[in-house]
PDB file of N, CA and C in Angstrom:
ATOM      1  N   MET A   1       0.859  -1.219   0.039  1.00  0.00           N
ATOM      2  CA  MET A   1       0.000  -0.007   0.003  1.00  0.00           C
ATOM      3  C   MET A   1       0.835   1.276  -0.019  1.00  0.00           C
ATOM      4  N   SER A   2       1.987   1.189   0.577  1.00  0.00           N
ATOM      5  CA  SER A   2       2.848   2.345   0.629  1.00  0.00           C
ATOM      6  C   SER A   2       3.352   2.671  -0.747  1.00  0.00           C
ATOM      7  N   LYS A   3       3.551   1.790  -1.636  1.00  0.00           N
ATOM      8  CA  LYS A   3       4.097   2.034  -2.992  1.00  0.00           C
ATOM      9  C   LYS A   3       3.012   2.817  -3.742  1.00  0.00           C
ATOM     10  N   ILE A   4       1.779   2.283  -3.663  1.00  0.00           N
ATOM     11  CA  ILE A   4       0.708   2.993  -4.301  1.00  0.00           C
ATOM     12  C   ILE A   4       0.499   4.384  -3.804  1.00  0.00           C
ATOM     13  N   HIS A   5       0.633   4.476  -2.542  1.00  0.00           N
ATOM     14  CA  HIS A   5       0.486   5.864  -1.845  1.00  0.00           C
ATOM     15  C   HIS A   5       1.568   6.738  -2.324  1.00  0.00           C
ATOM     16  N   SER A   6       2.853   6.285  -2.384  1.00  0.00           N
ATOM     17  CA  SER A   6       3.983   7.116  -2.835  1.00  0.00           C
ATOM     18  C   SER A   6       3.820   7.502  -4.283  1.00  0.00           C
ATOM     19  N   VAL A   7       3.292   6.508  -5.131  1.00  0.00           N
ATOM     20  CA  VAL A   7       3.100   6.942  -6.568  1.00  0.00           C
ATOM     21  C   VAL A   7       2.007   7.960  -6.657  1.00  0.00           C
ATOM     22  N   TRP A   8       0.960   7.891  -5.838  1.00  0.00           N
ATOM     23  CA  TRP A   8      -0.126   8.835  -5.864  1.00  0.00           C
ATOM     24  C   TRP A   8       0.384  10.190  -5.360  1.00  0.00           C
ATOM     25  N   LEU A   9       1.214  10.210  -4.385  1.00  0.00           N
ATOM     26  CA  LEU A   9       1.727  11.532  -3.896  1.00  0.00           C
ATOM     27  C   LEU A   9       2.604  12.118  -5.015  1.00  0.00           C
ATOM     28  N   PHE A  10       3.437  11.296  -5.660  1.00  0.00           N
ATOM     29  CA  PHE A  10       4.287  11.860  -6.825  1.00  0.00           C
ATOM     30  C   PHE A  10       3.453  12.389  -7.877  1.00  0.00           C
ATOM     31  N   MET A  11       2.368  11.737  -8.238  1.00  0.00           N
ATOM     32  CA  MET A  11       1.494  12.170  -9.296  1.00  0.00           C
ATOM     33  C   MET A  11       0.799  13.464  -8.910  1.00  0.00           C
ATOM     34  N   ARG A  12       0.417  13.584  -7.641  1.00  0.00           N
ATOM     35  CA  ARG A  12      -0.218  14.822  -7.205  1.00  0.00           C
ATOM     36  C   ARG A  12       0.697  15.966  -7.172  1.00  0.00           C
ATOM     37  N   ARG A  13       1.952  15.755  -6.792  1.00  0.00           N
ATOM     38  CA  ARG A  13       2.908  16.827  -6.702  1.00  0.00           C
ATOM     39  C   ARG A  13       3.327  17.329  -8.193  1.00  0.00           C
ATOM     40  N   HIS A  14       3.451  16.372  -9.127  1.00  0.00           N
ATOM     41  CA  HIS A  14       3.943  16.678 -10.443  1.00  0.00           C
ATOM     42  C   HIS A  14       2.918  16.467 -11.480  1.00  0.00           C
ATOM     43  N   LYS A  15       1.644  16.852 -11.234  1.00  0.00           N
ATOM     44  CA  LYS A  15       0.603  16.655 -12.173  1.00  0.00           C
ATOM     45  C   LYS A  15       0.755  17.478 -13.439  1.00  0.00           C
ATOM     46  N   TYR A  16       1.246  18.644 -13.313  1.00  0.00           N
ATOM     47  CA  TYR A  16       1.456  19.481 -14.524  1.00  0.00           C
ATOM     48  C   TYR A  16       2.579  18.952 -15.385  1.00  0.00           C
ATOM     49  N   LEU A  17       3.604  18.533 -14.771  1.00  0.00           N
ATOM     50  CA  LEU A  17       4.745  17.890 -15.550  1.00  0.00           C
ATOM     51  C   LEU A  17       4.296  16.612 -16.211  1.00  0.00           C
ATOM     52  N   LEU A  18       3.534  15.816 -15.555  1.00  0.00           N
ATOM     53  CA  LEU A  18       3.103  14.577 -16.127  1.00  0.00           C
ATOM     54  C   LEU A  18       2.067  14.822 -17.297  1.00  0.00           C
ATOM     55  N   THR A  19       1.318  15.787 -17.162  1.00  0.00           N
ATOM     56  CA  THR A  19       0.384  16.223 -18.114  1.00  0.00           C
ATOM     57  C   THR A  19       1.113  16.708 -19.405  1.00  0.00           C
ATOM     58  N   ILE A  20       2.111  17.520 -19.230  1.00  0.00           N
ATOM     59  CA  ILE A  20       2.893  18.022 -20.272  1.00  0.00           C
ATOM     60  C   ILE A  20       3.619  16.859 -20.968  1.00  0.00           C
ATOM     61  N   LEU A  21       4.229  15.979 -20.207  1.00  0.00           N
ATOM     62  CA  LEU A  21       4.859  14.826 -20.778  1.00  0.00           C
ATOM     63  C   LEU A  21       3.918  13.866 -21.635  1.00  0.00           C
ATOM     64  N   ILE A  22       2.741  13.760 -21.171  1.00  0.00           N
ATOM     65  CA  ILE A  22       1.769  12.925 -21.891  1.00  0.00           C
ATOM     66  C   ILE A  22       1.401  13.596 -23.188  1.00  0.00           C
ATOM     67  N   ILE A  23       1.144  14.918 -23.108  1.00  0.00           N
ATOM     68  CA  ILE A  23       0.852  15.686 -24.404  1.00  0.00           C
ATOM     69  C   ILE A  23       1.994  15.538 -25.362  1.00  0.00           C
ATOM     70  N   VAL A  24       3.267  15.768 -24.882  1.00  0.00           N
ATOM     71  CA  VAL A  24       4.441  15.667 -25.782  1.00  0.00           C
ATOM     72  C   VAL A  24       4.542  14.318 -26.394  1.00  0.00           C
ATOM     73  N   LEU A  25       4.339  13.338 -25.568  1.00  0.00           N
ATOM     74  CA  LEU A  25       4.375  11.992 -26.075  1.00  0.00           C
ATOM     75  C   LEU A  25       3.298  11.732 -27.188  1.00  0.00           C
ATOM     76  N   ILE A  26       2.085  12.174 -26.942  1.00  0.00           N
ATOM     77  CA  ILE A  26       1.014  11.980 -27.924  1.00  0.00           C
ATOM     78  C   ILE A  26       1.354  12.737 -29.212  1.00  0.00           C
ATOM     79  N   VAL A  27       1.823  14.017 -29.098  1.00  0.00           N
ATOM     80  CA  VAL A  27       2.089  14.856 -30.241  1.00  0.00           C
ATOM     81  C   VAL A  27       3.364  14.343 -31.021  1.00  0.00           C
ATOM     82  N   GLY A  28       4.346  13.896 -30.161  1.00  0.00           N
ATOM     83  CA  GLY A  28       5.606  13.500 -30.766  1.00  0.00           C
ATOM     84  C   GLY A  28       5.700  12.167 -31.367  1.00  0.00           C
ATOM     85  N   VAL A  29       4.921  11.232 -30.895  1.00  0.00           N
ATOM     86  CA  VAL A  29       5.059   9.899 -31.367  1.00  0.00           C
ATOM     87  C   VAL A  29       3.720   9.322 -31.863  1.00  0.00           C
ATOM     88  N   VAL A  30       2.720   9.410 -31.131  1.00  0.00           N
ATOM     89  CA  VAL A  30       1.511   8.634 -31.429  1.00  0.00           C
ATOM     90  C   VAL A  30       0.578   9.309 -32.390  1.00  0.00           C
ATOM     91  N   ASP A  31       0.521  10.642 -32.428  1.00  0.00           N
ATOM     92  CA  ASP A  31      -0.407  11.372 -33.321  1.00  0.00           C
ATOM     93  C   ASP A  31      -0.137  11.117 -34.779  1.00  0.00           C
ATOM     94  N   GLU A  32      -1.110  11.327 -35.616  1.00  0.00           N
ATOM     95  CA  GLU A  32      -1.006  11.214 -36.983  1.00  0.00           C
ATOM     96  C   GLU A  32      -0.032  12.170 -37.657  1.00  0.00           C
ATOM     97  N   ASP A  33      -0.011  13.419 -37.089  1.00  0.00           N
ATOM     98  CA  ASP A  33       0.983  14.378 -37.551  1.00  0.00           C
ATOM     99  C   ASP A  33       2.182  14.457 -36.622  1.00  0.00           C
ATOM    100  N   SER A  34       2.666  13.334 -36.163  1.00  0.00           N
ATOM    101  CA  SER A  34       3.809  13.354 -35.166  1.00  0.00           C
ATOM    102  C   SER A  34       5.078  13.707 -35.851  1.00  0.00           C
ATOM    103  N   PHE A  35       6.061  14.047 -34.999  1.00  0.00           N
ATOM    104  CA  PHE A  35       7.360  14.401 -35.500  1.00  0.00           C
ATOM    105  C   PHE A  35       7.979  13.230 -36.335  1.00  0.00           C
ATOM    106  N   LEU A  36       7.690  12.043 -35.932  1.00  0.00           N
ATOM    107  CA  LEU A  36       8.212  10.831 -36.658  1.00  0.00           C
ATOM    108  C   LEU A  36       7.641  10.731 -38.015  1.00  0.00           C
ATOM    109  N   ASN A  37       6.434  11.153 -38.214  1.00  0.00           N
ATOM    110  CA  ASN A  37       5.741  11.116 -39.552  1.00  0.00           C
ATOM    111  C   ASN A  37       6.055  12.303 -40.409  1.00  0.00           C
ATOM    112  N   ARG A  38       6.473  13.388 -39.784  1.00  0.00           N
ATOM    113  CA  ARG A  38       6.719  14.605 -40.542  1.00  0.00           C
ATOM    114  C   ARG A  38       8.055  14.498 -41.398  1.00  0.00           C
ATOM    115  N   HIS A  39       8.999  13.943 -40.833  1.00  0.00           N
ATOM    116  CA  HIS A  39      10.289  13.836 -41.567  1.00  0.00           C
ATOM    117  C   HIS A  39      10.163  13.137 -42.957  1.00  0.00           C
ATOM    118  N   PRO A  40       9.606  11.950 -43.014  1.00  0.00           N
ATOM    119  CA  PRO A  40       9.438  11.276 -44.358  1.00  0.00           C
ATOM    120  C   PRO A  40       8.581  12.168 -45.339  1.00  0.00           C
ATOM    121  N   ARG A  41       7.607  12.736 -44.775  1.00  0.00           N
ATOM    122  CA  ARG A  41       6.694  13.619 -45.655  1.00  0.00           C
ATOM    123  C   ARG A  41       7.506  14.867 -46.183  1.00  0.00           C
ATOM    124  N   ARG A  42       8.340  15.434 -45.247  1.00  0.00           N
ATOM    125  CA  ARG A  42       9.140  16.556 -45.650  1.00  0.00           C
ATOM    126  C   ARG A  42      10.178  16.166 -46.788  1.00  0.00           C
ATOM    127  N   VAL A  43      10.736  14.937 -46.594  1.00  0.00           N
ATOM    128  CA  VAL A  43      11.652  14.490 -47.626  1.00  0.00           C
ATOM    129  C   VAL A  43      10.919  14.298 -48.977  1.00  0.00           C
ATOM    130  N   ARG A  44       9.714  13.702 -48.915  1.00  0.00           N
ATOM    131  CA  ARG A  44       8.956  13.474 -50.095  1.00  0.00           C
ATOM    132  C   ARG A  44       8.583  14.785 -50.727  1.00  0.00           C
ATOM    133  N   ILE A  45       8.238  15.820 -49.940  1.00  0.00           N
ATOM    134  CA  ILE A  45       7.846  17.094 -50.515  1.00  0.00           C
ATOM    135  C   ILE A  45       9.097  17.700 -51.216  1.00  0.00           C
ATOM    136  N   ASP A  46      10.252  17.616 -50.614  1.00  0.00           N
ATOM    137  CA  ASP A  46      11.464  18.140 -51.231  1.00  0.00           C
ATOM    138  C   ASP A  46      11.795  17.477 -52.566  1.00  0.00           C
ATOM    139  N   MET A  47      11.555  16.111 -52.592  1.00  0.00           N
ATOM    140  CA  MET A  47      11.790  15.429 -53.878  1.00  0.00           C
ATOM    141  C   MET A  47      10.791  15.856 -54.911  1.00  0.00           C
ATOM    142  N   LEU A  48       9.520  16.010 -54.544  1.00  0.00           N
ATOM    143  CA  LEU A  48       8.483  16.457 -55.465  1.00  0.00           C
ATOM    144  C   LEU A  48       8.794  17.847 -55.972  1.00  0.00           C
ATOM    145  N   ARG A  49       9.261  18.717 -55.090  1.00  0.00           N
ATOM    146  CA  ARG A  49       9.612  20.140 -55.521  1.00  0.00           C
ATOM    147  C   ARG A  49      10.751  20.128 -56.550  1.00  0.00           C
ATOM    148  N   GLN A  50      11.753  19.227 -56.269  1.00  0.00           N
ATOM    149  CA  GLN A  50      12.832  19.080 -57.235  1.00  0.00           C
ATOM    150  C   GLN A  50      12.337  18.615 -58.582  1.00  0.00           C
ATOM    151  N   GLU A  51      11.416  17.597 -58.511  1.00  0.00           N
ATOM    152  CA  GLU A  51      10.853  17.091 -59.719  1.00  0.00           C
ATOM    153  C   GLU A  51      10.031  18.106 -60.484  1.00  0.00           C
ATOM    154  N   ILE A  52       9.353  18.962 -59.758  1.00  0.00           N
ATOM    155  CA  ILE A  52       8.618  20.046 -60.394  1.00  0.00           C
ATOM    156  C   ILE A  52       9.586  20.981 -61.113  1.00  0.00           C
ATOM    157  N   ALA A  53      10.642  21.322 -60.466  1.00  0.00           N
ATOM    158  CA  ALA A  53      11.604  22.232 -61.088  1.00  0.00           C
ATOM    159  C   ALA A  53      12.246  21.617 -62.316  1.00  0.00           C
ATOM    160  N   ASN A  54      12.485  20.299 -62.263  1.00  0.00           N
ATOM    161  CA  ASN A  54      13.036  19.605 -63.516  1.00  0.00           C
ATOM    162  C   ASN A  54      12.026  19.612 -64.597  1.00  0.00           C
ATOM    163  N   TYR A  55      10.764  19.399 -64.320  1.00  0.00           N
ATOM    164  CA  TYR A  55       9.725  19.445 -65.344  1.00  0.00           C
ATOM    165  C   TYR A  55       9.487  20.859 -65.922  1.00  0.00           C
ATOM    166  N   LYS A  56       9.590  21.816 -65.041  1.00  0.00           N
ATOM    167  CA  LYS A  56       9.428  23.214 -65.469  1.00  0.00           C
ATOM    168  C   LYS A  56      10.631  23.590 -66.374  1.00  0.00           C
ATOM    169  N   HIS A  57      11.908  23.130 -66.083  1.00  0.00           N
ATOM    170  CA  HIS A  57      13.007  23.359 -66.909  1.00  0.00           C
ATOM    171  C   HIS A  57      12.815  22.677 -68.300  1.00  0.00           C
ATOM    172  N   GLN A  58      12.320  21.411 -68.288  1.00  0.00           N
ATOM    173  CA  GLN A  58      12.107  20.723 -69.616  1.00  0.00           C
ATOM    174  C   GLN A  58      11.032  21.470 -70.386  1.00  0.00           C
ATOM    175  N   TYR A  59       9.952  21.942 -69.722  1.00  0.00           N
ATOM    176  CA  TYR A  59       8.882  22.647 -70.362  1.00  0.00           C
ATOM    177  C   TYR A  59       9.439  23.909 -70.987  1.00  0.00           C
ATOM    178  N   ASP A  60      10.270  24.636 -70.272  1.00  0.00           N
ATOM    179  CA  ASP A  60      10.844  25.914 -70.770  1.00  0.00           C
ATOM    180  C   ASP A  60      11.694  25.612 -72.035  1.00  0.00           C
ATOM    181  N   GLU A  61      12.482  24.534 -71.980  1.00  0.00           N
ATOM    182  CA  GLU A  61      13.322  24.232 -73.129  1.00  0.00           C
ATOM    183  C   GLU A  61      12.494  23.875 -74.324  1.00  0.00           C
ATOM    184  N   ALA A  62      11.431  23.036 -74.147  1.00  0.00           N
ATOM    185  CA  ALA A  62      10.569  22.636 -75.197  1.00  0.00           C
ATOM    186  C   ALA A  62       9.804  23.810 -75.743  1.00  0.00           C
ATOM    187  N   ASP A  63       9.384  24.702 -74.905  1.00  0.00           N
ATOM    188  CA  ASP A  63       8.670  25.909 -75.371  1.00  0.00           C
ATOM    189  C   ASP A  63       9.560  26.842 -76.208  1.00  0.00           C
ATOM    190  N   SER A  64      10.815  26.933 -75.803  1.00  0.00           N
ATOM    191  CA  SER A  64      11.780  27.795 -76.575  1.00  0.00           C
ATOM    192  C   SER A  64      12.011  27.075 -77.901  1.00  0.00           C
ATOM    193  N   LYS A  65      12.134  25.800 -77.992  1.00  0.00           N
ATOM    194  CA  LYS A  65      12.336  25.126 -79.291  1.00  0.00           C
ATOM    195  C   LYS A  65      11.089  25.276 -80.175  1.00  0.00           C
ATOM    196  N   ILE A  66       9.911  25.232 -79.603  1.00  0.00           N
ATOM    197  CA  ILE A  66       8.727  25.395 -80.429  1.00  0.00           C
ATOM    198  C   ILE A  66       8.666  26.790 -80.940  1.00  0.00           C
ATOM    199  N   ARG A  67       9.034  27.815 -80.133  1.00  0.00           N
ATOM    200  CA  ARG A  67       9.038  29.213 -80.623  1.00  0.00           C
ATOM    201  C   ARG A  67      10.023  29.406 -81.763  1.00  0.00           C
ATOM    202  N   GLU A  68      11.223  28.685 -81.580  1.00  0.00           N
ATOM    203  CA  GLU A  68      12.261  28.748 -82.619  1.00  0.00           C
ATOM    204  C   GLU A  68      11.751  28.120 -83.903  1.00  0.00           C
ATOM    205  N   LEU A  69      11.084  26.990 -83.789  1.00  0.00           N
ATOM    206  CA  LEU A  69      10.564  26.337 -84.996  1.00  0.00           C
ATOM    207  C   LEU A  69       9.500  27.169 -85.675  1.00  0.00           C
ATOM    208  N   GLU A  70       8.700  27.860 -84.946  1.00  0.00           N
ATOM    209  CA  GLU A  70       7.642  28.730 -85.528  1.00  0.00           C
ATOM    210  C   GLU A  70       8.216  29.941 -86.245  1.00  0.00           C
ATOM    211  N   ASN A  71       9.327  30.444 -85.741  1.00  0.00           N
ATOM    212  CA  ASN A  71       9.854  31.690 -86.286  1.00  0.00           C
ATOM    213  C   ASN A  71      10.982  31.496 -87.176  1.00  0.00           C
ATOM    214  N   ASN A  72      11.649  30.320 -87.289  1.00  0.00           N
ATOM    215  CA  ASN A  72      12.868  30.188 -88.033  1.00  0.00           C
ATOM    216  C   ASN A  72      12.765  28.905 -88.916  1.00  0.00           C
ATOM    217  N   PRO A  73      12.615  29.077 -90.195  1.00  0.00           N
ATOM    218  CA  PRO A  73      12.483  27.855 -91.079  1.00  0.00           C
ATOM    219  C   PRO A  73      13.823  27.122 -91.214  1.00  0.00           C
ATOM    220  N   LYS A  74      14.915  27.761 -90.905  1.00  0.00           N
ATOM    221  CA  LYS A  74      16.210  27.023 -90.991  1.00  0.00           C
ATOM    222  C   LYS A  74      16.358  26.032 -89.774  1.00  0.00           C
ATOM    223  N   ALA A  75      15.643  26.350 -88.630  1.00  0.00           N
ATOM    224  CA  ALA A  75      15.600  25.470 -87.568  1.00  0.00           C
ATOM    225  C   ALA A  75      14.769  24.221 -87.880  1.00  0.00           C
ATOM    226  N   VAL A  76      13.745  24.320 -88.652  1.00  0.00           N
ATOM    227  CA  VAL A  76      13.007  23.177 -89.018  1.00  0.00           C
ATOM    228  C   VAL A  76      13.865  22.309 -89.942  1.00  0.00           C
ATOM    229  N   GLU A  77      14.618  22.885 -90.844  1.00  0.00           N
ATOM    230  CA  GLU A  77      15.472  22.099 -91.721  1.00  0.00           C
ATOM    231  C   GLU A  77      16.616  21.404 -90.898  1.00  0.00           C
ATOM    232  N   LYS A  78      17.116  22.122 -89.884  1.00  0.00           N
ATOM    233  CA  LYS A  78      18.187  21.541 -89.034  1.00  0.00           C
ATOM    234  C   LYS A  78      17.606  20.278 -88.280  1.00  0.00           C
ATOM    235  N   ILE A  79      16.481  20.379 -87.676  1.00  0.00           N
ATOM    236  CA  ILE A  79      15.889  19.266 -86.983  1.00  0.00           C
ATOM    237  C   ILE A  79      15.611  18.110 -87.931  1.00  0.00           C
ATOM    238  N   ALA A  80      15.039  18.458 -89.140  1.00  0.00           N
ATOM    239  CA  ALA A  80      14.716  17.361 -90.056  1.00  0.00           C
ATOM    240  C   ALA A  80      15.997  16.625 -90.480  1.00  0.00           C
ATOM    241  N   ARG A  81      17.090  17.375 -90.644  1.00  0.00           N
ATOM    242  CA  ARG A  81      18.370  16.723 -91.075  1.00  0.00           C
ATOM    243  C   ARG A  81      18.937  15.897 -89.898  1.00  0.00           C
ATOM    244  N   GLU A  82      18.907  16.487 -88.655  1.00  0.00           N
ATOM    245  CA  GLU A  82      19.617  15.787 -87.579  1.00  0.00           C
ATOM    246  C   GLU A  82      18.825  14.607 -87.056  1.00  0.00           C
ATOM    247  N   ARG A  83      17.494  14.686 -86.831  1.00  0.00           N
ATOM    248  CA  ARG A  83      16.722  13.643 -86.213  1.00  0.00           C
ATOM    249  C   ARG A  83      16.240  12.662 -87.232  1.00  0.00           C
ATOM    250  N   TYR A  84      15.781  13.168 -88.399  1.00  0.00           N
ATOM    251  CA  TYR A  84      15.112  12.208 -89.305  1.00  0.00           C
ATOM    252  C   TYR A  84      15.960  11.909 -90.555  1.00  0.00           C
ATOM    253  N   HIS A  85      17.223  12.357 -90.575  1.00  0.00           N
ATOM    254  CA  HIS A  85      18.180  12.043 -91.587  1.00  0.00           C
ATOM    255  C   HIS A  85      17.637  12.408 -92.985  1.00  0.00           C
ATOM    256  N   MET A  86      16.899  13.457 -93.092  1.00  0.00           N
ATOM    257  CA  MET A  86      16.424  13.879 -94.402  1.00  0.00           C
ATOM    258  C   MET A  86      17.539  14.639 -95.165  1.00  0.00           C
ATOM    259  N   LYS A  87      17.367  14.734 -96.468  1.00  0.00           N
ATOM    260  CA  LYS A  87      18.407  15.257 -97.265  1.00  0.00           C
ATOM    261  C   LYS A  87      17.751  15.936 -98.481  1.00  0.00           C
ATOM    262  N   ARG A  88      18.553  16.817 -99.090  1.00  0.00           N
ATOM    263  CA  ARG A  88      18.149  17.430-100.365  1.00  0.00           C
ATOM    264  C   ARG A  88      18.429  16.402-101.437  1.00  0.00           C
ATOM    265  N   ALA A  89      17.871  16.764-102.650  1.00  0.00           N
ATOM    266  CA  ALA A  89      18.010  15.808-103.766  1.00  0.00           C
ATOM    267  C   ALA A  89      19.383  15.549-104.190  1.00  0.00           C
ATOM    268  N   ASN A  90      20.287  16.579-104.121  1.00  0.00           N
ATOM    269  CA  ASN A  90      21.651  16.453-104.642  1.00  0.00           C
ATOM    270  C   ASN A  90      22.661  16.120-103.486  1.00  0.00           C
ATOM    271  N   GLU A  91      22.200  15.627-102.360  1.00  0.00           N
ATOM    272  CA  GLU A  91      23.158  15.353-101.226  1.00  0.00           C
ATOM    273  C   GLU A  91      23.196  13.928-100.905  1.00  0.00           C
ATOM    274  N   ASP A  92      24.247  13.530-100.273  1.00  0.00           N
ATOM    275  CA  ASP A  92      24.435  12.223 -99.621  1.00  0.00           C
ATOM    276  C   ASP A  92      24.519  12.426 -98.109  1.00  0.00           C
ATOM    277  N   VAL A  93      23.971  11.537 -97.390  1.00  0.00           N
ATOM    278  CA  VAL A  93      23.972  11.733 -95.857  1.00  0.00           C
ATOM    279  C   VAL A  93      24.627  10.477 -95.283  1.00  0.00           C
ATOM    280  N   PHE A  94      25.562  10.828 -94.395  1.00  0.00           N
ATOM    281  CA  PHE A  94      26.299   9.765 -93.684  1.00  0.00           C
ATOM    282  C   PHE A  94      25.972   9.920 -92.192  1.00  0.00           C
ATOM    283  N   VAL A  95      25.510   8.807 -91.611  1.00  0.00           N
ATOM    284  CA  VAL A  95      25.082   8.804 -90.166  1.00  0.00           C
ATOM    285  C   VAL A  95      26.110   8.063 -89.429  1.00  0.00           C
ATOM    286  N   PHE A  96      26.639   8.754 -88.368  1.00  0.00           N
ATOM    287  CA  PHE A  96      27.569   8.028 -87.444  1.00  0.00           C
ATOM    288  C   PHE A  96      26.830   7.751 -86.218  1.00  0.00           C
ATOM    289  N   VAL A  97      26.854   6.480 -85.792  1.00  0.00           N
ATOM    290  CA  VAL A  97      26.110   6.040 -84.650  1.00  0.00           C
ATOM    291  C   VAL A  97      27.097   5.844 -83.554  1.00  0.00           C
ATOM    292  N   GLY A  98      26.846   6.472 -82.364  1.00  0.00           N
ATOM    293  CA  GLY A  98      27.746   6.282 -81.187  1.00  0.00           C
ATOM    294  C   GLY A  98      27.487   4.974 -80.507  1.00  0.00           C
ATOM    295  N   GLU A  99      28.251   4.671 -79.434  1.00  0.00           N
ATOM    296  CA  GLU A  99      28.048   3.408 -78.711  1.00  0.00           C
ATOM    297  C   GLU A  99      26.750   3.368 -77.973  1.00  0.00           C
ATOM    298  N   GLU A 100      26.343   4.442 -77.387  1.00  0.00           N
ATOM    299  CA  GLU A 100      25.109   4.484 -76.661  1.00  0.00           C
ATOM    300  C   GLU A 100      23.901   4.207 -77.565  1.00  0.00           C
ATOM    301  N   GLU A 101      23.957   4.875 -78.748  1.00  0.00           N
ATOM    302  CA  GLU A 101      22.833   4.769 -79.699  1.00  0.00           C
ATOM    303  C   GLU A 101      22.850   3.292 -80.216  1.00  0.00           C
ATOM    304  N   GLU A 102      24.023   2.642 -80.417  1.00  0.00           N
ATOM    305  CA  GLU A 102      24.050   1.269 -80.824  1.00  0.00           C
ATOM    306  C   GLU A 102      23.424   0.318 -79.820  1.00  0.00           C
ATOM    307  N   VAL A 103      23.680   0.550 -78.589  1.00  0.00           N
ATOM    308  CA  VAL A 103      23.153  -0.274 -77.536  1.00  0.00           C
ATOM    309  C   VAL A 103      21.561  -0.077 -77.510  1.00  0.00           C
ATOM    310  N   THR A 104      21.140   1.164 -77.665  1.00  0.00           N
ATOM    311  CA  THR A 104      19.679   1.522 -77.676  1.00  0.00           C
ATOM    312  C   THR A 104      19.050   0.797 -78.903  1.00  0.00           C
ATOM    313  N   GLN A 105      19.672   0.825 -79.979  1.00  0.00           N
ATOM    314  CA  GLN A 105      19.101   0.238 -81.191  1.00  0.00           C
ATOM    315  C   GLN A 105      19.035  -1.278 -81.032  1.00  0.00           C
ATOM    316  N   GLU A 106      20.073  -1.917 -80.468  1.00  0.00           N
ATOM    317  CA  GLU A 106      20.123  -3.371 -80.263  1.00  0.00           C
ATOM    318  C   GLU A 106      19.026  -3.737 -79.324  1.00  0.00           C
ATOM    319  N   LEU A 107      18.762  -2.897 -78.246  1.00  0.00           N
ATOM    320  CA  LEU A 107      17.701  -3.285 -77.277  1.00  0.00           C
ATOM    321  C   LEU A 107      16.397  -3.110 -77.921  1.00  0.00           C
ATOM    322  N   SER A 108      16.165  -2.131 -78.682  1.00  0.00           N
ATOM    323  CA  SER A 108      14.854  -1.942 -79.361  1.00  0.00           C
ATOM    324  C   SER A 108      14.600  -3.065 -80.320  1.00  0.00           C
ATOM    325  N   GLU A 109      15.674  -3.426 -81.045  1.00  0.00           N
ATOM    326  CA  GLU A 109      15.424  -4.525 -82.055  1.00  0.00           C
ATOM    327  C   GLU A 109      15.173  -5.855 -81.263  1.00  0.00           C
ATOM    328  N   ALA A 110      15.817  -6.102 -80.096  1.00  0.00           N
ATOM    329  CA  ALA A 110      15.530  -7.322 -79.325  1.00  0.00           C
ATOM    330  C   ALA A 110      14.126  -7.295 -78.784  1.00  0.00           C
ATOM    331  N   ASP A 111      13.613  -6.097 -78.339  1.00  0.00           N
ATOM    332  CA  ASP A 111      12.242  -6.018 -77.831  1.00  0.00           C
ATOM    333  C   ASP A 111      11.228  -6.212 -78.931  1.00  0.00           C
ATOM    334  N   ALA A 112      11.576  -5.823 -80.203  1.00  0.00           N
ATOM    335  CA  ALA A 112      10.623  -6.031 -81.284  1.00  0.00           C
ATOM    336  C   ALA A 112      10.451  -7.480 -81.649  1.00  0.00           C
ATOM    337  N   GLU A 113      11.494  -8.267 -81.425  1.00  0.00           N
ATOM    338  CA  GLU A 113      11.426  -9.708 -81.779  1.00  0.00           C
ATOM    339  C   GLU A 113      10.641 -10.362 -80.721  1.00  0.00           C
TER     340      GLU A 113
END
């Protein structure tokens, strides 16, 4: 009985401290928005912000290329020559394939089979 009485006296003396500790425990560990759950969410938010920045950069590059294609007919010819290996009637075209492109072509051919 003396142990229960001493625990009861301790709780009566330090009731505010115990209440604060219980609240900190609930908010820090148990709650849905606890400090333990906030860190992974913050990391995920940072990754998504970086991904948004990358997509924005890609969008800006593509937008500038579209504007250039709309305003410059030589840019259309340049892209047609580089990407699609088009040529004029009196020209010969030689295409040099790099190692990375060869691997990509081999993989795409293997997938097609």
